[in-house]
Amino acid sequence: MQSNLPVPPLSAHLGYWLRFVSNHVSYAFARKLADKGVTAAEWVVLHELYGARAVAPSSLADRLGLTRGAISKLADRLVQKKLISRENNTRDLRAHTLALTSAGAALVPILAALADENDAEFFGDLSAKERTAIERALKNLVTRHGLKSIPMT
């Protein structure tokens, strides 16, 4: 049974436009990262470990708003790519920490430059005032809704 209530077009919703832009920004960045052999989720983990000492996976999961299982899978992939190392705790054999390898540490600034490049491609034509207004509005929404999980894609 179909209702006779009016249905606005998708483009009538602000969420539509946010997702429209977000998808294109994220996809372009994902392609740039793929050229360097990492995913967006792996980039977030590498970035979080950059400049840090060895970090417990549980601490990393909490900081990123991910499950311990998700961190474990990401860590496995990054260890396999030799971008992070997993060190066992000598006092507690069940525990371990994660840290960037020298290759991982060297890659992070390259990936950060790609993130800057991607931002410039999509937002570089905005005036400083427009950019500040968009950023302020989005940060207000994050705060107002108590959003915690870091975007991974």
Protein backbone atom coordinates (compact mmCIF):
# COMPACT_ATOMS: atom_id res chain seq x y z
CA MET A 1 0.00 0.00 0.00
CA GLN A 2 1.48 3.30 -1.09
CA SER A 3 0.98 6.50 0.87
CA ASN A 4 -0.07 9.74 -0.80
CA LEU A 5 2.17 11.77 1.50
CA PRO A 6 4.62 13.99 -0.35
CA VAL A 7 8.19 12.72 -0.42
CA PRO A 8 10.89 15.33 -0.80
CA PRO A 9 13.80 14.63 -3.13
CA LEU A 10 16.94 13.19 -1.55
CA SER A 11 18.73 16.44 -2.32
CA ALA A 12 16.38 18.27 0.06
CA HIS A 13 18.31 16.79 3.00
CA LEU A 14 21.53 18.28 4.33
CA GLY A 15 22.71 14.75 5.17
CA TYR A 16 22.52 13.92 1.48
CA TRP A 17 24.94 16.73 0.62
CA LEU A 18 27.28 15.88 3.50
CA ARG A 19 27.42 12.26 2.35
CA PHE A 20 27.76 13.28 -1.29
CA VAL A 21 30.88 15.35 -0.59
CA SER A 22 32.21 12.93 2.04
CA ASN A 23 32.02 9.97 -0.32
CA HIS A 24 33.97 11.77 -3.01
CA VAL A 25 36.59 13.13 -0.59
CA SER A 26 37.01 9.72 1.05
CA TYR A 27 37.16 7.81 -2.22
CA ALA A 28 39.80 10.13 -3.69
CA PHE A 29 41.90 9.80 -0.53
CA ALA A 30 41.47 6.01 -0.48
CA ARG A 31 42.82 5.86 -4.05
CA LYS A 32 45.85 7.94 -3.06
CA LEU A 33 46.48 5.69 -0.06
CA ALA A 34 46.07 2.54 -2.15
CA ASP A 35 48.89 3.77 -4.39
CA LYS A 36 51.07 3.64 -1.25
CA GLY A 37 49.79 0.19 -0.25
CA VAL A 38 47.58 1.12 2.71
CA THR A 39 43.88 1.51 3.43
CA ALA A 40 42.22 4.46 5.13
CA ALA A 41 41.80 2.43 8.33
CA GLU A 42 45.47 1.47 8.28
CA TRP A 43 46.39 5.14 7.75
CA VAL A 44 44.46 6.11 10.88
CA VAL A 45 46.32 3.50 12.95
CA LEU A 46 49.70 4.53 11.52
CA HIS A 47 48.92 8.19 12.19
CA GLU A 48 47.88 7.42 15.76
CA LEU A 49 51.12 5.53 16.41
CA TYR A 50 53.30 8.23 14.85
CA GLY A 51 55.52 9.88 17.44
CA ALA A 52 54.22 7.58 20.17
CA ARG A 53 56.06 4.96 22.11
CA ALA A 54 54.79 1.41 22.05
CA VAL A 55 51.02 1.34 22.61
CA ALA A 56 48.82 -1.45 23.95
CA PRO A 57 46.24 -2.51 21.36
CA SER A 58 43.46 -2.01 23.91
CA SER A 59 44.55 1.60 24.45
CA LEU A 60 44.68 2.17 20.70
CA ALA A 61 41.20 0.66 20.30
CA ASP A 62 39.82 2.96 23.00
CA ARG A 63 41.43 6.07 21.47
CA LEU A 64 40.08 5.27 18.01
CA GLY A 65 36.66 4.05 19.12
CA LEU A 66 37.25 0.60 17.61
CA THR A 67 36.83 -2.88 18.98
CA ARG A 68 39.88 -4.81 20.09
CA GLY A 69 39.15 -7.30 17.32
CA ALA A 70 39.24 -4.56 14.68
CA ILE A 71 42.57 -3.29 16.01
CA SER A 72 43.93 -6.83 16.02
CA LYS A 73 43.01 -7.32 12.35
CA LEU A 74 44.47 -3.95 11.36
CA ALA A 75 47.63 -4.67 13.36
CA ASP A 76 48.00 -8.07 11.68
CA ARG A 77 47.87 -6.44 8.25
CA LEU A 78 50.30 -3.68 9.22
CA VAL A 79 52.74 -6.18 10.79
CA GLN A 80 52.57 -8.23 7.59
CA LYS A 81 53.37 -5.06 5.61
CA LYS A 82 56.28 -4.40 8.01
CA LEU A 83 54.87 -0.99 8.93
CA ILE A 84 54.37 -1.76 12.62
CA SER A 85 55.90 -4.23 15.04
CA ARG A 86 54.25 -6.24 17.78
CA GLU A 87 56.36 -6.64 20.91
CA ASN A 88 55.54 -9.07 23.70
CA ASN A 89 55.46 -7.81 27.27
CA THR A 90 58.23 -9.51 29.27
CA ARG A 91 56.21 -9.34 32.52
CA ASP A 92 52.85 -10.46 31.12
CA LEU A 93 53.20 -12.93 28.26
CA ARG A 94 49.56 -12.38 27.26
CA ALA A 95 50.12 -8.68 26.65
CA HIS A 96 51.89 -6.94 23.79
CA THR A 97 52.38 -3.48 22.36
CA LEU A 98 52.34 -1.98 18.88
CA ALA A 99 54.85 0.49 17.48
CA LEU A 100 55.80 1.88 14.10
CA THR A 101 58.75 0.32 12.34
CA SER A 102 61.24 2.65 10.68
CA ALA A 103 59.42 2.01 7.38
CA GLY A 104 56.10 2.91 9.01
CA ALA A 105 57.54 6.05 10.57
CA ALA A 106 58.96 7.11 7.20
CA LEU A 107 55.63 6.49 5.46
CA VAL A 108 53.41 8.55 7.80
CA PRO A 109 54.64 12.01 6.65
CA ILE A 110 54.18 10.91 3.02
CA LEU A 111 50.60 9.84 3.75
CA ALA A 112 49.98 13.05 5.71
CA ALA A 113 51.07 15.03 2.64
CA LEU A 114 48.55 13.03 0.59
CA ALA A 115 45.84 13.95 3.12
CA ASP A 116 46.80 17.61 2.79
CA GLU A 117 46.79 17.30 -1.01
CA ASN A 118 43.35 15.69 -0.94
CA ASP A 119 41.99 18.44 1.31
CA ALA A 120 43.43 21.09 -1.01
CA GLU A 121 41.84 19.44 -4.06
CA PHE A 122 38.38 19.44 -2.51
CA PHE A 123 38.41 22.47 -0.22
CA GLY A 124 41.18 24.68 -1.59
CA ASP A 125 38.75 26.86 -3.55
CA LEU A 126 36.82 27.76 -0.39
CA SER A 127 37.56 31.08 1.23
CA ALA A 128 39.05 30.99 4.72
CA LYS A 129 35.69 32.22 6.02
CA GLU A 130 33.76 29.43 4.25
CA ARG A 131 36.19 26.78 5.45
CA THR A 132 36.06 28.05 9.03
CA ALA A 133 32.24 28.14 8.97
CA ILE A 134 31.99 24.56 7.68
CA GLU A 135 34.56 23.29 10.16
CA ARG A 136 32.86 25.09 13.07
CA ALA A 137 29.44 23.71 12.12
CA LEU A 138 30.73 20.16 11.81
CA LYS A 139 32.65 20.33 15.09
CA ASN A 140 29.52 21.69 16.80
CA LEU A 141 27.55 18.70 15.49
CA VAL A 142 30.23 16.31 16.76
CA THR A 143 30.09 17.91 20.21
CA ARG A 144 26.31 18.25 20.34
CA HIS A 145 25.74 14.60 19.41
CA GLY A 146 28.64 13.26 21.48
CA LEU A 147 30.24 11.59 18.47
CA LYS A 148 33.40 9.71 19.42
CA SER A 149 34.42 7.19 16.77
CA ILE A 150 37.09 8.45 14.42
CA PRO A 151 36.08 8.12 10.75
CA MET A 152 38.02 5.25 9.21
CA THR A 153 36.89 5.37 5.58
